[in-house]
Amino acid sequence: MESMNLRPAADEYLDYYHRYISLVPDGDIVETLKRQAKETVAYLSTLTESQGAFRYEPGKWSVKECVGHVSDTERIFTYRALRIARNDRTPIEGFEQDDYVKYGSFDSCTLAGLIVEFQAVRQATVLLFEHLAEEAWTRRGIANKNEVSVRAIAYTSAGHELHHIHVLTSKYFPVF
C-alpha cells in the first residue's frame, strides 16, 4: 500500500500536529508503530515502580501519568482514524488531556500494568492500520473542528509517543 508509506501532506492535518509528525521517520508507518512499541516497552521496563511515581517538577505529570496519557491519547487518535476510515462524516469532538490524566487514576496503577496496557493499545492500533484499504489512508474527516486524514492520524500517534519518550529521557531521568 503506497499511501501508508507516504508522509502526510501539510494540508492533511492542523499545523499544531507537525510537532509530532515531524519526529516520525520515513517509511512504512505500520512497521514504525510496531518497532516503536518494542522500543518503548523495553525502555519503560527498565524503570522501577518508584521511578514510575517520579515528577521532574511539582505539578508535572508522574511517569505513570505520562504513560497513561500516551495510551489514552492513542485510543482517541485511533478511534478518530476508525471513524474517518469507515467514512463516518460526523464531526468528532476534541478532548481535554489534562482532565483525562486527572481522572485516569494512573498513579494508583503499577508501572508494569500501564506498560501492559500500552502494549494492548498499540497492538489494537497496529491491527486497525494493518487492515485498512488503500483508499482509507487518504480519507479525511473532522476531528476537534479540524480536517485530518487517516494517514496523518497514524503519523501523529507515532510522533506523540516519540515526543513523550523524549520528554521522559530528557526531563525525567537526567536526575537519576
Protein backbone atom coordinates (compact mmCIF):
# COMPACT_ATOMS: atom_id res chain seq x y z
CA MET A 1 0.00 0.00 0.00
CA GLU A 2 1.59 3.16 -1.19
CA SER A 3 -0.44 5.71 0.80
CA MET A 4 0.67 4.36 4.16
CA ASN A 5 4.31 4.74 3.10
CA LEU A 6 3.96 8.42 2.22
CA ARG A 7 4.21 11.18 4.79
CA PRO A 8 1.00 13.16 5.15
CA ALA A 9 0.94 16.45 3.27
CA ALA A 10 0.72 19.64 5.31
CA ASP A 11 -2.93 20.10 4.31
CA GLU A 12 -3.88 16.73 5.87
CA TYR A 13 -3.60 17.96 9.46
CA LEU A 14 -3.62 21.01 11.70
CA ASP A 15 -0.24 22.78 11.89
CA TYR A 16 -0.05 22.01 15.63
CA TYR A 17 0.45 18.30 14.85
CA HIS A 18 3.55 18.95 12.77
CA ARG A 19 5.47 18.88 16.06
CA TYR A 20 4.65 15.16 16.27
CA ILE A 21 4.57 14.16 12.62
CA SER A 22 8.00 15.70 12.00
CA LEU A 23 9.51 13.28 14.56
CA VAL A 24 8.45 10.18 12.61
CA PRO A 25 10.98 8.65 10.20
CA ASP A 26 10.06 8.00 6.59
CA GLY A 27 8.84 4.54 5.64
CA ASP A 28 6.05 2.12 6.43
CA ILE A 29 4.11 3.73 9.29
CA VAL A 30 2.71 0.41 10.49
CA GLU A 31 6.22 -1.03 10.80
CA THR A 32 7.26 2.16 12.60
CA LEU A 33 4.42 1.75 15.09
CA LYS A 34 5.41 -1.89 15.70
CA ARG A 35 9.09 -1.03 16.17
CA GLN A 36 8.28 1.87 18.49
CA ALA A 37 6.16 -0.35 20.69
CA LYS A 38 9.05 -2.76 21.22
CA GLU A 39 11.49 0.08 21.91
CA THR A 40 9.14 1.91 24.26
CA VAL A 41 8.26 -1.22 26.22
CA ALA A 42 11.96 -2.10 26.52
CA TYR A 43 12.75 1.40 27.79
CA LEU A 44 9.84 1.63 30.23
CA SER A 45 10.61 -1.85 31.56
CA THR A 46 13.98 -0.59 32.82
CA LEU A 47 12.21 1.77 35.21
CA THR A 48 11.35 0.86 38.78
CA GLU A 49 7.98 1.37 40.42
CA SER A 50 9.43 4.27 42.44
CA GLN A 51 10.63 5.89 39.21
CA GLY A 52 7.08 5.48 37.91
CA ALA A 53 5.90 7.89 40.60
CA PHE A 54 8.61 10.46 39.83
CA ARG A 55 7.72 14.02 38.74
CA TYR A 56 10.57 16.17 37.47
CA GLU A 57 8.88 19.24 38.93
CA PRO A 58 5.87 19.87 41.20
CA GLY A 59 2.65 19.96 39.20
CA LYS A 60 4.07 17.94 36.29
CA TRP A 61 2.74 14.51 35.43
CA SER A 62 4.35 11.48 37.00
CA VAL A 63 5.98 8.92 34.73
CA LYS A 64 2.91 6.70 35.22
CA GLU A 65 0.60 9.57 34.28
CA CYS A 66 2.70 10.20 31.18
CA VAL A 67 2.43 6.53 30.14
CA GLY A 68 -1.31 6.55 30.83
CA HIS A 69 -1.66 9.74 28.80
CA VAL A 70 0.12 8.17 25.83
CA SER A 71 -2.27 5.19 25.93
CA ASP A 72 -5.40 7.33 26.34
CA THR A 73 -4.39 9.69 23.55
CA GLU A 74 -3.59 6.82 21.22
CA ARG A 75 -7.02 5.33 21.93
CA ILE A 76 -8.63 8.61 20.97
CA PHE A 77 -6.49 9.07 17.86
CA THR A 78 -7.22 5.50 16.75
CA TYR A 79 -10.95 5.98 17.35
CA ARG A 80 -10.79 9.04 15.12
CA ALA A 81 -8.92 7.06 12.47
CA LEU A 82 -11.50 4.26 12.62
CA ARG A 83 -14.43 6.62 12.19
CA ILE A 84 -12.81 8.51 9.33
CA ALA A 85 -11.54 5.33 7.63
CA ARG A 86 -15.09 3.96 7.68
CA ASN A 87 -16.26 7.19 6.02
CA ASP A 88 -18.22 8.37 9.05
CA ARG A 89 -18.67 12.06 8.24
CA THR A 90 -19.88 13.02 11.73
CA PRO A 91 -17.53 15.61 13.26
CA ILE A 92 -15.59 14.19 16.20
CA GLU A 93 -15.23 16.31 19.33
CA GLY A 94 -11.90 17.08 20.96
CA PHE A 95 -10.81 16.11 24.47
CA GLU A 96 -9.03 17.79 27.36
CA GLN A 97 -5.82 15.85 28.02
CA ASP A 98 -5.28 17.29 31.49
CA ASP A 99 -8.72 16.12 32.63
CA TYR A 100 -8.04 12.65 31.24
CA VAL A 101 -4.84 12.46 33.28
CA LYS A 102 -6.50 13.96 36.37
CA TYR A 103 -9.29 11.38 36.31
CA GLY A 104 -7.20 8.49 34.95
CA SER A 105 -6.00 7.33 38.41
CA PHE A 106 -2.71 6.30 36.79
CA ASP A 107 -0.70 6.82 39.97
CA SER A 108 -2.76 4.09 41.66
CA CYS A 109 -1.72 1.64 38.91
CA THR A 110 1.55 -0.20 38.73
CA LEU A 111 4.00 0.92 36.10
CA ALA A 112 4.18 -2.69 34.91
CA GLY A 113 0.39 -2.71 34.46
CA LEU A 114 0.48 0.55 32.50
CA ILE A 115 3.17 -0.90 30.24
CA VAL A 116 0.96 -3.94 29.51
CA GLU A 117 -1.94 -1.58 28.82
CA PHE A 118 0.21 0.45 26.41
CA GLN A 119 1.16 -2.76 24.60
CA ALA A 120 -2.51 -3.71 24.23
CA VAL A 121 -3.49 -0.27 22.97
CA ARG A 122 -0.62 -0.21 20.47
CA GLN A 123 -1.46 -3.73 19.25
CA ALA A 124 -5.05 -2.61 18.59
CA THR A 125 -3.71 0.47 16.76
CA VAL A 126 -1.41 -1.64 14.60
CA LEU A 127 -4.16 -4.11 13.74
CA LEU A 128 -6.52 -1.33 12.68
CA PHE A 129 -3.93 0.30 10.44
CA GLU A 130 -2.71 -3.04 9.03
CA HIS A 131 -6.18 -3.87 7.78
CA LEU A 132 -7.09 -0.56 6.15
CA ALA A 133 -7.87 -0.47 2.46
CA GLU A 134 -5.60 1.73 0.35
CA GLU A 135 -8.26 4.39 -0.16
CA ALA A 136 -8.89 4.70 3.60
CA TRP A 137 -5.42 6.12 4.26
CA THR A 138 -6.16 9.41 2.50
CA ARG A 139 -9.78 9.67 3.61
CA ARG A 140 -10.43 12.83 5.60
CA GLY A 141 -12.81 13.80 8.33
CA ILE A 142 -13.30 16.44 11.01
CA ALA A 143 -11.78 15.90 14.45
CA ASN A 144 -11.63 18.62 17.06
CA LYS A 145 -13.07 21.07 14.49
CA ASN A 146 -10.22 20.47 12.02
CA GLU A 147 -9.85 18.38 8.90
CA VAL A 148 -7.47 15.43 9.23
CA SER A 149 -6.60 12.35 7.18
CA VAL A 150 -6.32 8.82 8.49
CA ARG A 151 -2.66 8.80 7.39
CA ALA A 152 -1.97 11.96 9.41
CA ILE A 153 -3.56 10.36 12.47
CA ALA A 154 -1.27 7.33 12.14
CA TYR A 155 1.78 9.58 11.95
CA THR A 156 0.51 11.74 14.80
CA SER A 157 0.13 8.65 17.00
CA ALA A 158 3.71 7.60 16.31
CA GLY A 159 5.04 11.13 16.80
CA HIS A 160 3.07 11.69 20.00
CA GLU A 161 4.69 8.62 21.53
CA LEU A 162 8.15 9.74 20.36
CA HIS A 163 7.56 13.18 21.87
CA HIS A 164 6.69 11.76 25.29
CA ILE A 165 9.56 9.26 25.30
CA HIS A 166 11.88 12.20 24.57
CA VAL A 167 10.33 14.12 27.47
CA LEU A 168 10.89 11.13 29.76
CA THR A 169 14.52 10.71 28.72
CA SER A 170 15.37 14.40 28.75
CA LYS A 171 13.39 15.89 31.65
CA TYR A 172 12.68 13.00 34.00
CA PHE A 173 15.76 10.86 34.09
CA PRO A 174 18.82 13.07 33.79
CA VAL A 175 18.48 13.39 37.60
CA PHE A 176 18.80 9.63 38.18
